[in-house]
C-alpha atoms as a PDB file:
ATOM      1  CA  MET A   1       9.918 -13.436 -23.413  1.00  0.00           C
ATOM      2  CA  LEU A   2       7.141 -14.813 -21.268  1.00  0.00           C
ATOM      3  CA  SER A   3       7.704 -18.350 -22.552  1.00  0.00           C
ATOM      4  CA  GLU A   4      10.978 -18.388 -20.558  1.00  0.00           C
ATOM      5  CA  ILE A   5       8.838 -19.075 -17.502  1.00  0.00           C
ATOM      6  CA  ARG A   6       7.981 -22.681 -16.886  1.00  0.00           C
ATOM      7  CA  GLY A   7       4.295 -23.326 -17.594  1.00  0.00           C
ATOM      8  CA  ILE A   8       3.769 -20.432 -19.987  1.00  0.00           C
ATOM      9  CA  GLY A   9       3.284 -21.777 -23.468  1.00  0.00           C
ATOM     10  CA  THR A  10       1.861 -20.159 -26.579  1.00  0.00           C
ATOM     11  CA  VAL A  11      -1.751 -20.209 -25.312  1.00  0.00           C
ATOM     12  CA  TYR A  12      -0.991 -18.557 -21.958  1.00  0.00           C
ATOM     13  CA  GLU A  13       1.467 -16.155 -23.572  1.00  0.00           C
ATOM     14  CA  LYS A  14      -1.236 -14.975 -26.009  1.00  0.00           C
ATOM     15  CA  LYS A  15      -3.735 -14.503 -23.149  1.00  0.00           C
ATOM     16  CA  LEU A  16      -1.180 -12.506 -21.165  1.00  0.00           C
ATOM     17  CA  ASN A  17      -0.226 -10.419 -24.217  1.00  0.00           C
ATOM     18  CA  ASP A  18      -3.903  -9.621 -24.842  1.00  0.00           C
ATOM     19  CA  ALA A  19      -4.147  -8.446 -21.214  1.00  0.00           C
ATOM     20  CA  GLY A  20      -1.182  -6.083 -21.700  1.00  0.00           C
ATOM     21  CA  ILE A  21       1.580  -8.295 -20.274  1.00  0.00           C
ATOM     22  CA  LYS A  22       4.254  -8.336 -22.979  1.00  0.00           C
ATOM     23  CA  SER A  23       7.450  -8.938 -20.984  1.00  0.00           C
ATOM     24  CA  LEU A  24       8.842 -10.433 -17.794  1.00  0.00           C
ATOM     25  CA  GLU A  25       9.046  -6.908 -16.354  1.00  0.00           C
ATOM     26  CA  ASP A  26       5.319  -6.369 -17.013  1.00  0.00           C
ATOM     27  CA  LEU A  27       4.531  -9.653 -15.293  1.00  0.00           C
ATOM     28  CA  ALA A  28       6.766  -8.836 -12.313  1.00  0.00           C
ATOM     29  CA  ILE A  29       4.880  -5.626 -11.500  1.00  0.00           C
ATOM     30  CA  CYS A  30       1.335  -6.434 -12.654  1.00  0.00           C
ATOM     31  CA  ASP A  31      -1.847  -6.456 -10.571  1.00  0.00           C
ATOM     32  CA  LEU A  32      -2.601 -10.174 -10.346  1.00  0.00           C
ATOM     33  CA  GLU A  33      -6.318  -9.836  -9.659  1.00  0.00           C
ATOM     34  CA  GLU A  34      -6.810  -7.591 -12.683  1.00  0.00           C
ATOM     35  CA  ILE A  35      -4.845  -9.936 -14.954  1.00  0.00           C
ATOM     36  CA  SER A  36      -6.738 -12.936 -13.591  1.00  0.00           C
ATOM     37  CA  GLU A  37     -10.049 -11.274 -14.469  1.00  0.00           C
ATOM     38  CA  LYS A  38      -8.877 -10.342 -17.978  1.00  0.00           C
ATOM     39  CA  THR A  39      -7.340 -13.721 -18.810  1.00  0.00           C
ATOM     40  CA  GLY A  40      -9.249 -16.271 -16.760  1.00  0.00           C
ATOM     41  CA  ILE A  41      -5.947 -17.619 -15.406  1.00  0.00           C
ATOM     42  CA  GLY A  42      -6.017 -18.572 -11.713  1.00  0.00           C
ATOM     43  CA  LEU A  43      -4.389 -16.354  -9.091  1.00  0.00           C
ATOM     44  CA  LYS A  44      -2.268 -19.188  -7.713  1.00  0.00           C
ATOM     45  CA  LEU A  45      -0.674 -19.818 -11.090  1.00  0.00           C
ATOM     46  CA  LEU A  46      -0.182 -16.104 -11.758  1.00  0.00           C
ATOM     47  CA  ARG A  47       1.492 -15.661  -8.349  1.00  0.00           C
ATOM     48  CA  LYS A  48       3.916 -18.469  -9.158  1.00  0.00           C
ATOM     49  CA  TRP A  49       4.741 -16.935 -12.546  1.00  0.00           C
ATOM     50  CA  LYS A  50       5.129 -13.457 -11.065  1.00  0.00           C
ATOM     51  CA  GLU A  51       7.602 -14.767  -8.476  1.00  0.00           C
ATOM     52  CA  GLU A  52       9.588 -16.567 -11.168  1.00  0.00           C
ATOM     53  CA  ALA A  53       9.585 -13.437 -13.370  1.00  0.00           C
ATOM     54  CA  ARG A  54      10.931 -11.388 -10.467  1.00  0.00           C
ATOM     55  CA  LYS A  55      13.742 -13.890  -9.939  1.00  0.00           C
ATOM     56  CA  LYS A  56      14.648 -13.927 -13.629  1.00  0.00           C
ATOM     57  CA  ILE A  57      14.877 -10.147 -13.973  1.00  0.00           C
ATOM     58  CA  GLY A  58      16.533  -9.641 -10.584  1.00  0.00           C
ATOM     59  CA  PHE A  59      13.619  -7.664  -9.167  1.00  0.00           C
ATOM     60  CA  LYS A  60      14.679  -5.509  -6.237  1.00  0.00           C
ATOM     61  CA  VAL A  61      12.649  -3.448  -3.803  1.00  0.00           C
ATOM     62  CA  ALA A  62      13.108   0.275  -4.300  1.00  0.00           C
ATOM     63  CA  VAL A  63      15.055   2.077  -1.600  1.00  0.00           C
ATOM     64  CA  PRO A  64      14.526   5.813  -1.437  1.00  0.00           C
ATOM     65  CA  ALA A  65      17.798   7.668  -1.790  1.00  0.00           C
ATOM     66  CA  GLU A  66      16.458  10.736  -0.017  1.00  0.00           C
ATOM     67  CA  ASP A  67      15.535  11.177   3.614  1.00  0.00           C
ATOM     68  CA  LEU A  68      11.938   9.959   3.904  1.00  0.00           C
ATOM     69  CA  SER A  69      11.141  12.462   6.619  1.00  0.00           C
ATOM     70  CA  LYS A  70      11.675  15.265   4.081  1.00  0.00           C
ATOM     71  CA  ILE A  71       9.771  13.768   1.149  1.00  0.00           C
ATOM     72  CA  SER A  72       6.874  12.071   2.974  1.00  0.00           C
ATOM     73  CA  PHE A  73       3.658  12.926   4.752  1.00  0.00           C
ATOM     74  CA  ILE A  74       1.161  10.718   6.608  1.00  0.00           C
ATOM     75  CA  GLU A  75      -2.570  11.383   6.974  1.00  0.00           C
ATOM     76  CA  ILE A  76      -4.087   9.080   9.607  1.00  0.00           C
ATOM     77  CA  TYR A  77      -7.783   8.181   9.454  1.00  0.00           C
ATOM     78  CA  GLU A  78      -8.394   5.915  12.491  1.00  0.00           C
ATOM     79  CA  GLU A  79      -7.209   2.421  11.441  1.00  0.00           C
ATOM     80  CA  LYS A  80      -6.061   3.349   7.903  1.00  0.00           C
ATOM     81  CA  ALA A  81      -3.632   5.951   6.639  1.00  0.00           C
ATOM     82  CA  ARG A  82      -2.763   7.716   3.428  1.00  0.00           C
ATOM     83  CA  VAL A  83       0.979   8.056   2.887  1.00  0.00           C
ATOM     84  CA  ARG A  84       2.591  10.418   0.384  1.00  0.00           C
ATOM     85  CA  ILE A  85       6.150   9.622  -0.626  1.00  0.00           C
ATOM     86  CA  LYS A  86       7.650  11.986  -3.185  1.00  0.00           C
ATOM     87  CA  ASN A  87       4.180  13.046  -4.448  1.00  0.00           C
ATOM     88  CA  VAL A  88       3.009   9.445  -4.908  1.00  0.00           C
ATOM     89  CA  TYR A  89       0.042   8.571  -2.708  1.00  0.00           C
ATOM     90  CA  HIS A  90      -0.421   5.170  -1.072  1.00  0.00           C
ATOM     91  CA  ASN A  91      -3.952   4.638   0.267  1.00  0.00           C
ATOM     92  CA  ASN A  92      -5.402   2.221   2.837  1.00  0.00           C
ATOM     93  CA  ILE A  93      -2.126   1.721   4.679  1.00  0.00           C
ATOM     94  CA  PRO A  94      -2.772  -0.121   7.970  1.00  0.00           C
ATOM     95  CA  VAL A  95      -2.231   1.763  11.226  1.00  0.00           C
ATOM     96  CA  TYR A  96      -0.948  -0.202  14.223  1.00  0.00           C
ATOM     97  CA  THR A  97      -0.905   0.999  17.803  1.00  0.00           C
ATOM     98  CA  GLY A  98       1.430  -0.443  20.405  1.00  0.00           C
ATOM     99  CA  LYS A  99       5.079  -1.175  20.991  1.00  0.00           C
ATOM    100  CA  TYR A 100       7.327  -2.082  18.088  1.00  0.00           C
ATOM    101  CA  ASP A 101       8.586  -5.250  19.803  1.00  0.00           C
ATOM    102  CA  GLU A 102       5.028  -6.569  20.076  1.00  0.00           C
ATOM    103  CA  LEU A 103       4.222  -5.726  16.448  1.00  0.00           C
ATOM    104  CA  LYS A 104       7.483  -6.893  14.859  1.00  0.00           C
ATOM    105  CA  GLU A 105       6.076 -10.187  13.541  1.00  0.00           C
ATOM    106  CA  GLU A 106       2.895  -8.615  12.129  1.00  0.00           C
ATOM    107  CA  LEU A 107       4.867  -5.899  10.366  1.00  0.00           C
ATOM    108  CA  LYS A 108       7.055  -8.392   8.506  1.00  0.00           C
ATOM    109  CA  ASN A 109       4.003  -9.237   6.368  1.00  0.00           C
ATOM    110  CA  GLU A 110       3.366  -5.594   5.441  1.00  0.00           C
ATOM    111  CA  GLU A 111       5.119  -3.652   2.678  1.00  0.00           C
ATOM    112  CA  MET A 112       4.089  -0.397   4.318  1.00  0.00           C
ATOM    113  CA  ALA A 113       2.428   0.447   7.644  1.00  0.00           C
ATOM    114  CA  VAL A 114       2.115   3.265  10.142  1.00  0.00           C
ATOM    115  CA  VAL A 115       2.922   2.563  13.801  1.00  0.00           C
ATOM    116  CA  MET A 116       1.633   4.810  16.576  1.00  0.00           C
ATOM    117  CA  ASP A 117       4.016   4.273  19.479  1.00  0.00           C
ATOM    118  CA  GLY A 118       4.029   7.534  21.375  1.00  0.00           C
ATOM    119  CA  GLY A 119       5.019   9.156  18.087  1.00  0.00           C
ATOM    120  CA  THR A 120       4.421   8.049  14.547  1.00  0.00           C
ATOM    121  CA  LYS A 121       6.762   5.795  12.598  1.00  0.00           C
ATOM    122  CA  LEU A 122       6.524   4.671   8.991  1.00  0.00           C
ATOM    123  CA  TRP A 123       7.300   1.016   8.264  1.00  0.00           C
ATOM    124  CA  PHE A 124       8.536   0.799   4.662  1.00  0.00           C
ATOM    125  CA  ASN A 125      10.712  -1.777   2.873  1.00  0.00           C
ATOM    126  CA  GLY A 126      11.381  -3.686   6.082  1.00  0.00           C
ATOM    127  CA  LYS A 127      12.546  -0.845   8.279  1.00  0.00           C
ATOM    128  CA  PHE A 128      11.255   2.080  10.320  1.00  0.00           C
ATOM    129  CA  TYR A 129      11.455   5.721   9.361  1.00  0.00           C
ATOM    130  CA  GLU A 130      10.971   8.236  12.139  1.00  0.00           C
ATOM    131  CA  ASN A 131      10.250  11.961  12.138  1.00  0.00           C
ATOM    132  CA  VAL A 132       7.877  11.675   9.180  1.00  0.00           C
ATOM    133  CA  PRO A 133       5.388  14.551   9.430  1.00  0.00           C
ATOM    134  CA  TYR A 134       1.817  13.450  10.022  1.00  0.00           C
ATOM    135  CA  LYS A 135      -1.671  14.692  10.701  1.00  0.00           C
ATOM    136  CA  ILE A 136      -4.486  12.806  12.388  1.00  0.00           C
ATOM    137  CA  LYS A 137      -7.733  13.433  10.544  1.00  0.00           C
ATOM    138  CA  LYS A 138     -11.216  12.680  11.776  1.00  0.00           C
ATOM    139  CA  SER A 139     -13.494  10.705   9.497  1.00  0.00           C
ATOM    140  CA  GLU A 140     -16.199  12.631   7.653  1.00  0.00           C
ATOM    141  CA  GLU A 141     -18.945  10.931   9.680  1.00  0.00           C
ATOM    142  CA  LYS A 142     -17.442  12.149  12.951  1.00  0.00           C
ATOM    143  CA  LYS A 143     -16.981  15.630  11.549  1.00  0.00           C
ATOM    144  CA  LYS A 144     -20.657  15.770  10.632  1.00  0.00           C
ATOM    145  CA  ALA A 145     -21.710  14.417  14.014  1.00  0.00           C
ATOM    146  CA  GLU A 146     -19.674  17.002  15.915  1.00  0.00           C
ATOM    147  CA  LYS A 147     -21.292  20.412  15.991  1.00  0.00           C
ATOM    148  CA  SER A 148     -19.347  23.605  16.236  1.00  0.00           C
ATOM    149  CA  PHE A 149     -19.538  25.722  19.342  1.00  0.00           C
ATOM    150  CA  PHE A 150     -21.504  28.325  17.397  1.00  0.00           C
ATOM    151  CA  ASN A 151     -24.134  25.749  16.304  1.00  0.00           C
ATOM    152  CA  LYS A 152     -24.462  24.433  19.847  1.00  0.00           C
ATOM    153  CA  LEU A 153     -24.936  27.989  21.110  1.00  0.00           C
ATOM    154  CA  LYS A 154     -27.554  28.637  18.427  1.00  0.00           C
ATOM    155  CA  GLU A 155     -29.518  25.524  19.456  1.00  0.00           C
ATOM    156  CA  TRP A 156     -29.295  26.476  23.110  1.00  0.00           C
ATOM    157  CA  TRP A 157     -30.530  29.987  22.296  1.00  0.00           C
ATOM    158  CA  LYS A 158     -33.559  28.583  20.424  1.00  0.00           C
ATOM    159  CA  LYS A 159     -34.616  26.667  23.554  1.00  0.00           C
END
């Protein structure tokens, strides 16, 4: 019951129910910005309630049981990446370049990140996973700007 959380009374509980939040589990995994828009409840208050809901239900971060290098793939687009883990795609994952030791503090704030340090490493759930297959993709704008050898030859021939 949502009213188990301090500060959620009948009025807030009704607003949350109308927005699709019916249980502590729903609150623990909800998108706060979306719920804030639907209910008019401030983000700060929702964050506090979400944290309390996670504590009450014993929310734990998922740890993949399988080897991530076998069930994952990374597509790198300059400073952002798209990561597939077990056929679930995660978009707009930040890409860091540099040594792990220098980036350690920044990475603590990220749930997921890609680190380019000679090779590619996936930062996920507070630890690194190596040997994850990856592909560096050029952005569409760069692809359009670059002409193929055949097109360059055609232009040269026209001159």
